[in-house]
Amino acid sequence: MTCRRLVLPVLCLLLAVLGTAGQAQAVGYRYWSFWDRNSAADTADTADTADTWVYATQGPSTARPSDGDVQGFRFSVSEDSKDSAKPRGSADFATICAKTPAREGSKRVGLVLDFGTAADAPSGSTPPRPRTACARIDDDATTADALAAVAKPLRYDTNALLCAIAGYPTTGCGEPVADDRPKTSTSPGTEAKSNPSDGKGNGDGGPSVGLLAGIAAVAALATAATWQARRRRN
């Protein structure tokens, strides 16, 4: 039956709203994100003087860190850089490179490698434990060179996207993933939380307050239309 009568268009709209509710899940991507660590000295003029991770503005193949820099990689599922999980752990350069003395003509870069959680792992894969490494590389070397020095095998796709560090994961590269997993991938203190009263989500993966209000409004219109149709027949 097509939606041609007075009541049916409203009811069809209600069904359309209900039908799309289950499709509201966002889609994320499973990939290695790249981060720079700002030291406390660099953030001393802010309220937070602790070391912080900042999403890198360049890729590892073009970024050229300086001696004493700390960079991080985190494997996770996220929509984009705004909700991407940060590397876990608090090791600083002095700790990471304590056993790697300075050498003329080279630089040392501390790397934090976080292979993510089971929730982010491809099916059938178990993520290795997070670890750190100190890479000694040439003065003009890139972050990709640092990774190659301490975390082989690396895997890239045809567009030079970093797909695997230390062989993990064995397959896949930036593939889309339906965002219906438990929200356990982010770092402690960086989880994106839903507020039941903010109109964006109910905190348990159900329909949002705004969606429920829209359904209620459409249902009210359907009732009114039905009453109007009956009145006209009488």
Protein backbone atom coordinates (compact mmCIF):
# COMPACT_ATOMS: atom_id res chain seq x y z
CA MET A 1 0.00 0.00 0.00
CA THR A 2 1.37 3.46 -0.93
CA CYS A 3 1.27 6.53 1.30
CA ARG A 4 -1.52 8.42 -0.51
CA ARG A 5 -4.19 9.00 2.10
CA LEU A 6 -4.25 11.63 4.80
CA VAL A 7 -3.11 9.44 7.69
CA LEU A 8 -0.66 7.24 5.86
CA PRO A 9 2.00 9.88 5.04
CA VAL A 10 2.40 10.67 8.74
CA LEU A 11 2.55 7.00 9.65
CA CYS A 12 5.10 6.39 6.90
CA LEU A 13 7.22 9.22 8.29
CA LEU A 14 7.06 7.59 11.71
CA LEU A 15 8.18 4.27 10.26
CA ALA A 16 11.01 6.00 8.42
CA VAL A 17 12.26 7.58 11.66
CA LEU A 18 12.08 4.26 13.48
CA GLY A 19 13.72 2.45 10.60
CA THR A 20 16.74 4.75 10.58
CA ALA A 21 17.24 4.59 14.36
CA GLY A 22 19.17 1.35 14.08
CA GLN A 23 21.35 2.86 11.35
CA ALA A 24 22.52 5.81 13.46
CA GLN A 25 25.73 4.09 14.50
CA ALA A 26 28.76 6.00 13.28
CA VAL A 27 31.50 4.35 11.25
CA GLY A 28 35.09 4.49 12.44
CA TYR A 29 38.38 3.36 10.97
CA ARG A 30 40.96 0.94 12.37
CA TYR A 31 44.42 2.45 12.02
CA TRP A 32 47.67 3.57 13.66
CA SER A 33 47.48 7.19 14.82
CA PHE A 34 50.65 9.27 15.20
CA TRP A 35 51.33 11.61 18.14
CA ASP A 36 53.90 14.10 19.44
CA ARG A 37 54.48 14.51 23.16
CA ASN A 38 54.73 18.04 24.51
CA SER A 39 56.88 18.11 27.62
CA ALA A 40 55.87 19.88 30.83
CA ALA A 41 58.44 22.56 30.07
CA ASP A 42 56.67 23.36 26.81
CA THR A 43 53.26 23.64 28.50
CA ALA A 44 54.34 25.49 31.66
CA ASP A 45 52.30 28.54 30.69
CA THR A 46 49.08 26.52 30.74
CA ALA A 47 46.96 25.27 33.62
CA ASP A 48 48.03 21.68 32.88
CA THR A 49 51.79 21.28 33.28
CA ALA A 50 51.82 17.52 32.74
CA ASP A 51 53.20 15.97 29.56
CA THR A 52 50.50 15.83 26.91
CA TRP A 53 50.00 14.03 23.61
CA VAL A 54 49.21 16.15 20.55
CA TYR A 55 48.03 14.64 17.27
CA ALA A 56 50.89 14.93 14.78
CA THR A 57 50.49 17.42 11.94
CA GLN A 58 52.73 15.44 9.60
CA GLY A 59 53.01 11.80 8.68
CA PRO A 60 55.91 9.67 9.96
CA SER A 61 57.55 9.68 6.52
CA THR A 62 57.92 13.48 6.51
CA ALA A 63 58.21 14.35 10.22
CA ARG A 64 61.80 14.96 11.34
CA PRO A 65 62.02 14.84 15.13
CA SER A 66 64.84 16.42 17.10
CA ASP A 67 67.14 14.77 19.58
CA GLY A 68 65.22 14.30 22.81
CA ASP A 69 61.74 14.20 21.24
CA VAL A 70 59.15 11.61 22.24
CA GLN A 71 56.62 10.40 19.69
CA GLY A 72 53.82 7.89 20.04
CA PHE A 73 51.74 5.52 17.96
CA ARG A 74 48.37 4.08 19.00
CA PHE A 75 46.36 1.41 17.20
CA SER A 76 42.64 1.96 17.68
CA VAL A 77 39.29 2.49 16.02
CA SER A 78 38.11 6.09 15.72
CA GLU A 79 36.23 8.36 13.36
CA ASP A 80 38.98 10.98 13.11
CA SER A 81 41.73 12.72 15.06
CA LYS A 82 39.25 14.43 17.40
CA ASP A 83 38.20 11.18 19.05
CA SER A 84 41.32 9.11 18.44
CA ALA A 85 42.74 7.26 21.45
CA LYS A 86 46.09 8.52 22.73
CA PRO A 87 49.08 6.31 23.52
CA ARG A 88 49.03 5.01 27.09
CA GLY A 89 51.90 5.24 29.54
CA SER A 90 53.90 8.07 31.04
CA ALA A 91 57.51 7.22 30.16
CA ASP A 92 59.53 10.32 29.27
CA PHE A 93 62.63 10.68 27.11
CA ALA A 94 65.06 10.29 30.01
CA THR A 95 63.44 7.00 30.93
CA ILE A 96 63.04 5.63 27.41
CA CYS A 97 66.58 6.48 26.30
CA ALA A 98 68.37 6.02 29.63
CA LYS A 99 70.56 3.26 28.18
CA THR A 100 71.20 4.96 24.83
CA PRO A 101 73.96 7.57 25.19
CA ALA A 102 74.20 10.56 22.88
CA ARG A 103 76.49 10.23 19.88
CA GLU A 104 77.82 12.92 17.57
CA GLY A 105 76.20 12.96 14.15
CA SER A 106 73.03 11.21 15.34
CA LYS A 107 69.93 11.88 17.36
CA ARG A 108 67.84 9.86 19.78
CA VAL A 109 64.04 9.68 19.60
CA GLY A 110 61.87 8.05 22.24
CA LEU A 111 58.99 6.02 20.81
CA VAL A 112 55.86 4.87 22.64
CA LEU A 113 54.17 2.00 20.81
CA ASP A 114 50.65 1.22 21.99
CA PHE A 115 49.09 -1.73 20.15
CA GLY A 116 45.62 -0.97 21.50
CA THR A 117 43.02 -3.09 23.21
CA ALA A 118 41.20 -6.30 22.34
CA ALA A 119 38.15 -4.20 21.43
CA ASP A 120 40.16 -2.50 18.69
CA ALA A 121 41.93 -5.62 17.41
CA PRO A 122 40.97 -7.20 14.09
CA SER A 123 39.01 -10.42 14.41
CA GLY A 124 41.21 -13.26 15.63
CA SER A 125 44.08 -10.96 16.64
CA THR A 126 45.54 -10.31 20.09
CA PRO A 127 47.35 -6.98 20.50
CA PRO A 128 50.90 -7.11 21.90
CA ARG A 129 51.61 -5.27 25.14
CA PRO A 130 52.50 -1.57 24.82
CA ARG A 131 56.22 -0.89 24.84
CA THR A 132 58.77 1.88 24.42
CA ALA A 133 61.94 2.05 22.37
CA CYS A 134 64.81 4.47 21.90
CA ALA A 135 65.80 4.92 18.27
CA ARG A 136 69.24 6.28 17.38
CA ILE A 137 69.09 7.68 13.85
CA ASP A 138 70.89 10.17 11.60
CA ASP A 139 70.36 13.85 12.26
CA ASP A 140 68.20 14.30 9.14
CA ALA A 141 66.22 11.06 9.57
CA THR A 142 62.42 10.90 9.78
CA THR A 143 60.10 9.28 12.27
CA ALA A 144 59.60 6.47 9.75
CA ASP A 145 63.35 5.87 9.92
CA ALA A 146 63.13 5.74 13.72
CA LEU A 147 60.36 3.15 13.52
CA ALA A 148 62.34 1.09 11.03
CA ALA A 149 65.30 1.10 13.42
CA VAL A 150 63.43 -0.37 16.39
CA ALA A 151 60.01 -1.74 15.35
CA LYS A 152 60.33 -3.88 12.23
CA PRO A 153 58.59 -5.27 10.31
CA LEU A 154 56.62 -2.24 9.16
CA ARG A 155 53.87 -2.42 6.57
CA TYR A 156 52.59 0.42 4.37
CA ASP A 157 49.88 0.55 1.73
CA THR A 158 50.27 1.95 -1.79
CA ASN A 159 49.45 5.45 -0.49
CA ALA A 160 52.23 5.28 2.13
CA LEU A 161 49.71 4.86 4.96
CA LEU A 162 51.28 3.08 7.93
CA CYS A 163 49.42 -0.22 8.28
CA ALA A 164 51.49 -2.28 10.75
CA ILE A 165 54.19 -1.74 13.37
CA ALA A 166 56.28 -4.70 14.53
CA GLY A 167 54.10 -6.83 12.27
CA TYR A 168 50.83 -5.83 13.96
CA PRO A 169 48.23 -6.19 12.64
CA THR A 170 49.05 -8.82 10.06
CA THR A 171 46.28 -7.72 7.70
CA GLY A 172 44.12 -4.68 7.06
CA CYS A 173 44.90 -1.01 6.73
CA GLY A 174 42.56 1.80 7.72
CA GLU A 175 39.46 -0.27 7.01
CA PRO A 176 36.02 1.04 8.10
CA VAL A 177 34.52 -0.52 11.21
CA ALA A 178 30.91 -0.19 12.39
CA ASP A 179 30.99 1.69 15.69
CA ASP A 180 28.89 -0.82 17.64
CA ARG A 181 31.70 -2.03 19.90
CA PRO A 182 31.99 -1.31 23.64
CA LYS A 183 33.66 2.04 24.24
CA THR A 184 36.83 0.63 25.78
CA SER A 185 39.42 1.73 23.25
CA THR A 186 40.30 5.18 24.52
CA SER A 187 42.98 6.03 27.02
CA PRO A 188 42.10 6.57 30.69
CA GLY A 189 40.78 10.07 31.11
CA THR A 190 40.15 10.56 27.38
CA GLU A 191 36.89 8.67 26.91
CA ALA A 192 34.13 10.43 25.02
CA LYS A 193 31.22 10.29 27.46
CA SER A 194 27.55 10.68 26.66
CA ASN A 195 25.39 12.93 28.78
CA PRO A 196 21.79 11.69 29.06
CA SER A 197 20.55 15.28 29.21
CA ASP A 198 22.58 16.81 26.39
CA GLY A 199 20.30 15.61 23.59
CA LYS A 200 23.10 13.66 21.92
CA GLY A 201 22.96 10.25 23.51
CA ASN A 202 21.56 8.26 26.40
CA GLY A 203 24.88 6.75 27.44
CA ASP A 204 23.97 3.14 26.67
CA GLY A 205 23.96 3.04 22.89
CA GLY A 206 20.19 3.57 22.61
CA PRO A 207 18.39 6.27 20.63
CA SER A 208 19.15 9.86 21.55
CA VAL A 209 16.78 12.15 23.43
CA GLY A 210 16.36 14.20 20.25
CA LEU A 211 15.38 11.10 18.29
CA LEU A 212 12.85 10.04 20.93
CA ALA A 213 11.35 13.53 20.94
CA GLY A 214 11.04 13.41 17.16
CA ILE A 215 9.29 10.04 17.31
CA ALA A 216 6.89 11.38 19.93
CA ALA A 217 6.11 14.40 17.78
CA VAL A 218 5.45 12.29 14.70
CA ALA A 219 3.23 9.96 16.74
CA ALA A 220 1.23 12.95 17.97
CA LEU A 221 0.75 14.14 14.40
CA ALA A 222 -0.40 10.68 13.40
CA THR A 223 -3.02 10.68 16.18
CA ALA A 224 -4.25 14.12 15.19
CA ALA A 225 -4.49 13.15 11.55
CA THR A 226 -6.48 10.03 12.41
CA TRP A 227 -8.91 12.06 14.52
CA GLN A 228 -9.31 14.65 11.73
CA ALA A 229 -10.01 11.91 9.15
CA ARG A 230 -12.72 10.36 11.34
CA ARG A 231 -14.33 13.74 11.95
CA ARG A 232 -14.57 14.41 8.25
CA ARG A 233 -16.21 11.05 7.62
CA ASN A 234 -18.81 11.85 10.27
